[in-house]
C-alpha atoms as a PDB file:
ATOM      1  CA  UNK A   1      33.152  -7.556  44.921  1.00  0.00           C
ATOM      2  CA  UNK A   2      32.204  -4.730  42.784  1.00  0.00           C
ATOM      3  CA  UNK A   3      35.317  -3.045  41.272  1.00  0.00           C
ATOM      4  CA  UNK A   4      37.236  -0.374  42.610  1.00  0.00           C
ATOM      5  CA  UNK A   5      35.737   1.927  39.636  1.00  0.00           C
ATOM      6  CA  UNK A   6      32.225   1.069  40.207  1.00  0.00           C
ATOM      7  CA  UNK A   7      32.147   4.355  42.479  1.00  0.00           C
ATOM      8  CA  UNK A   8      29.349   7.307  42.661  1.00  0.00           C
ATOM      9  CA  UNK A   9      31.311   9.790  40.054  1.00  0.00           C
ATOM     10  CA  UNK A  10      31.748   6.989  37.543  1.00  0.00           C
ATOM     11  CA  UNK A  11      28.123   5.749  37.552  1.00  0.00           C
ATOM     12  CA  UNK A  12      26.800   8.812  37.113  1.00  0.00           C
ATOM     13  CA  UNK A  13      28.625   9.275  34.108  1.00  0.00           C
ATOM     14  CA  UNK A  14      27.799   5.773  32.861  1.00  0.00           C
ATOM     15  CA  UNK A  15      23.722   6.684  33.346  1.00  0.00           C
ATOM     16  CA  UNK A  16      24.125   9.657  31.732  1.00  0.00           C
ATOM     17  CA  UNK A  17      26.019   7.756  28.809  1.00  0.00           C
ATOM     18  CA  UNK A  18      23.195   5.281  28.751  1.00  0.00           C
ATOM     19  CA  UNK A  19      20.562   8.371  28.986  1.00  0.00           C
ATOM     20  CA  UNK A  20      21.387   9.659  25.928  1.00  0.00           C
ATOM     21  CA  UNK A  21      22.853   6.216  24.299  1.00  0.00           C
ATOM     22  CA  UNK A  22      18.827   5.068  24.550  1.00  0.00           C
ATOM     23  CA  UNK A  23      17.752   8.260  23.117  1.00  0.00           C
ATOM     24  CA  UNK A  24      19.463   7.570  20.358  1.00  0.00           C
ATOM     25  CA  UNK A  25      18.022   3.959  19.840  1.00  0.00           C
ATOM     26  CA  UNK A  26      14.298   5.457  20.655  1.00  0.00           C
ATOM     27  CA  UNK A  27      15.485   8.060  17.100  1.00  0.00           C
ATOM     28  CA  UNK A  28      16.410   4.859  15.360  1.00  0.00           C
ATOM     29  CA  UNK A  29      13.338   2.843  16.487  1.00  0.00           C
ATOM     30  CA  UNK A  30      11.437   5.713  15.494  1.00  0.00           C
ATOM     31  CA  UNK A  31      12.710   6.148  11.921  1.00  0.00           C
ATOM     32  CA  UNK A  32      13.199   2.313  10.762  1.00  0.00           C
ATOM     33  CA  UNK A  33      10.432   0.176  12.584  1.00  0.00           C
ATOM     34  CA  UNK A  34       7.474   0.201  10.055  1.00  0.00           C
ATOM     35  CA  UNK A  35       4.917  -1.774  11.936  1.00  0.00           C
ATOM     36  CA  UNK A  36       3.113   0.503  14.588  1.00  0.00           C
ATOM     37  CA  UNK A  37       2.360  -1.899  17.440  1.00  0.00           C
ATOM     38  CA  UNK A  38       6.094  -2.944  17.299  1.00  0.00           C
ATOM     39  CA  UNK A  39       7.824   0.567  17.475  1.00  0.00           C
ATOM     40  CA  UNK A  40       5.021   1.845  20.370  1.00  0.00           C
ATOM     41  CA  UNK A  41       6.413  -1.015  22.588  1.00  0.00           C
ATOM     42  CA  UNK A  42      10.113  -1.104  21.947  1.00  0.00           C
ATOM     43  CA  UNK A  43       9.946   2.957  22.320  1.00  0.00           C
ATOM     44  CA  UNK A  44       7.631   2.240  25.632  1.00  0.00           C
ATOM     45  CA  UNK A  45      10.253  -0.104  27.332  1.00  0.00           C
ATOM     46  CA  UNK A  46      13.367   2.390  26.332  1.00  0.00           C
ATOM     47  CA  UNK A  47      11.168   5.238  28.068  1.00  0.00           C
ATOM     48  CA  UNK A  48      11.052   2.991  31.541  1.00  0.00           C
ATOM     49  CA  UNK A  49      14.182   2.013  31.402  1.00  0.00           C
ATOM     50  CA  UNK A  50      15.644   5.719  30.338  1.00  0.00           C
ATOM     51  CA  UNK A  51      13.049   6.919  33.008  1.00  0.00           C
ATOM     52  CA  UNK A  52      14.538   4.348  35.581  1.00  0.00           C
ATOM     53  CA  UNK A  53      18.466   4.977  34.651  1.00  0.00           C
ATOM     54  CA  UNK A  54      17.473   9.021  35.057  1.00  0.00           C
ATOM     55  CA  UNK A  55      15.745   8.344  39.042  1.00  0.00           C
ATOM     56  CA  UNK A  56      18.682   6.342  39.985  1.00  0.00           C
ATOM     57  CA  UNK A  57      21.372   9.095  38.731  1.00  0.00           C
ATOM     58  CA  UNK A  58      19.494  11.859  40.450  1.00  0.00           C
ATOM     59  CA  UNK A  59      19.777   9.565  43.856  1.00  0.00           C
ATOM     60  CA  UNK A  60      23.569   9.604  43.049  1.00  0.00           C
ATOM     61  CA  UNK A  61      23.452  13.663  43.472  1.00  0.00           C
ATOM     62  CA  UNK A  62      21.913  12.998  47.446  1.00  0.00           C
ATOM     63  CA  UNK A  63      24.318  10.011  48.447  1.00  0.00           C
ATOM     64  CA  UNK A  64      27.264  12.438  49.478  1.00  0.00           C
ATOM     65  CA  UNK A  65      25.069  13.751  52.057  1.00  0.00           C
ATOM     66  CA  UNK A  66      23.679  10.092  53.783  1.00  0.00           C
ATOM     67  CA  UNK A  67      27.123   8.838  52.937  1.00  0.00           C
ATOM     68  CA  UNK A  68      25.205   5.611  51.056  1.00  0.00           C
ATOM     69  CA  UNK A  69      25.031   4.826  47.788  1.00  0.00           C
ATOM     70  CA  UNK A  70      22.707   2.115  46.050  1.00  0.00           C
ATOM     71  CA  UNK A  71      22.269   1.901  42.736  1.00  0.00           C
ATOM     72  CA  UNK A  72      19.512  -0.480  41.362  1.00  0.00           C
ATOM     73  CA  UNK A  73      20.127  -2.084  45.182  1.00  0.00           C
ATOM     74  CA  UNK A  74      23.891  -2.503  44.625  1.00  0.00           C
ATOM     75  CA  UNK A  75      25.913  -0.609  47.148  1.00  0.00           C
ATOM     76  CA  UNK A  76      28.337   1.784  45.576  1.00  0.00           C
ATOM     77  CA  UNK A  77      31.852   3.251  47.289  1.00  0.00           C
ATOM     78  CA  UNK A  78      31.625   6.793  47.649  1.00  0.00           C
ATOM     79  CA  UNK A  79      34.929   8.061  46.265  1.00  0.00           C
ATOM     80  CA  UNK A  80      36.837   9.944  49.279  1.00  0.00           C
ATOM     81  CA  UNK A  81      34.478   9.662  52.378  1.00  0.00           C
ATOM     82  CA  UNK A  82      36.496   9.586  54.310  1.00  0.00           C
ATOM     83  CA  UNK A  83      36.918  13.134  53.722  1.00  0.00           C
ATOM     84  CA  UNK A  84      33.040  13.812  54.063  1.00  0.00           C
ATOM     85  CA  UNK A  85      32.634  14.988  58.036  1.00  0.00           C
ATOM     86  CA  UNK A  86      29.188  13.606  57.706  1.00  0.00           C
ATOM     87  CA  UNK A  87      30.618  10.474  56.833  1.00  0.00           C
ATOM     88  CA  UNK A  88      32.837  10.510  59.844  1.00  0.00           C
ATOM     89  CA  UNK A  89      30.458  10.885  62.607  1.00  0.00           C
END
């Protein structure tokens, strides 16, 4: 069972914060890692994770219309879903 705070609004903020955090990590990796292969590999992995987070965040914008939200396959509750007319049909 997921905690009550695990809803679409909070997850959008969390995913945005993680994308910003990943950008900061990319900066430090690019600045301080000396070996080119390691630098490219780490930055590539971070870009893939950031892209996945961005697409999940983007899908959360559309979930109020469908009344079903999933982030990486986990069901997420919509706050005040009972007040949305499309969710009561």
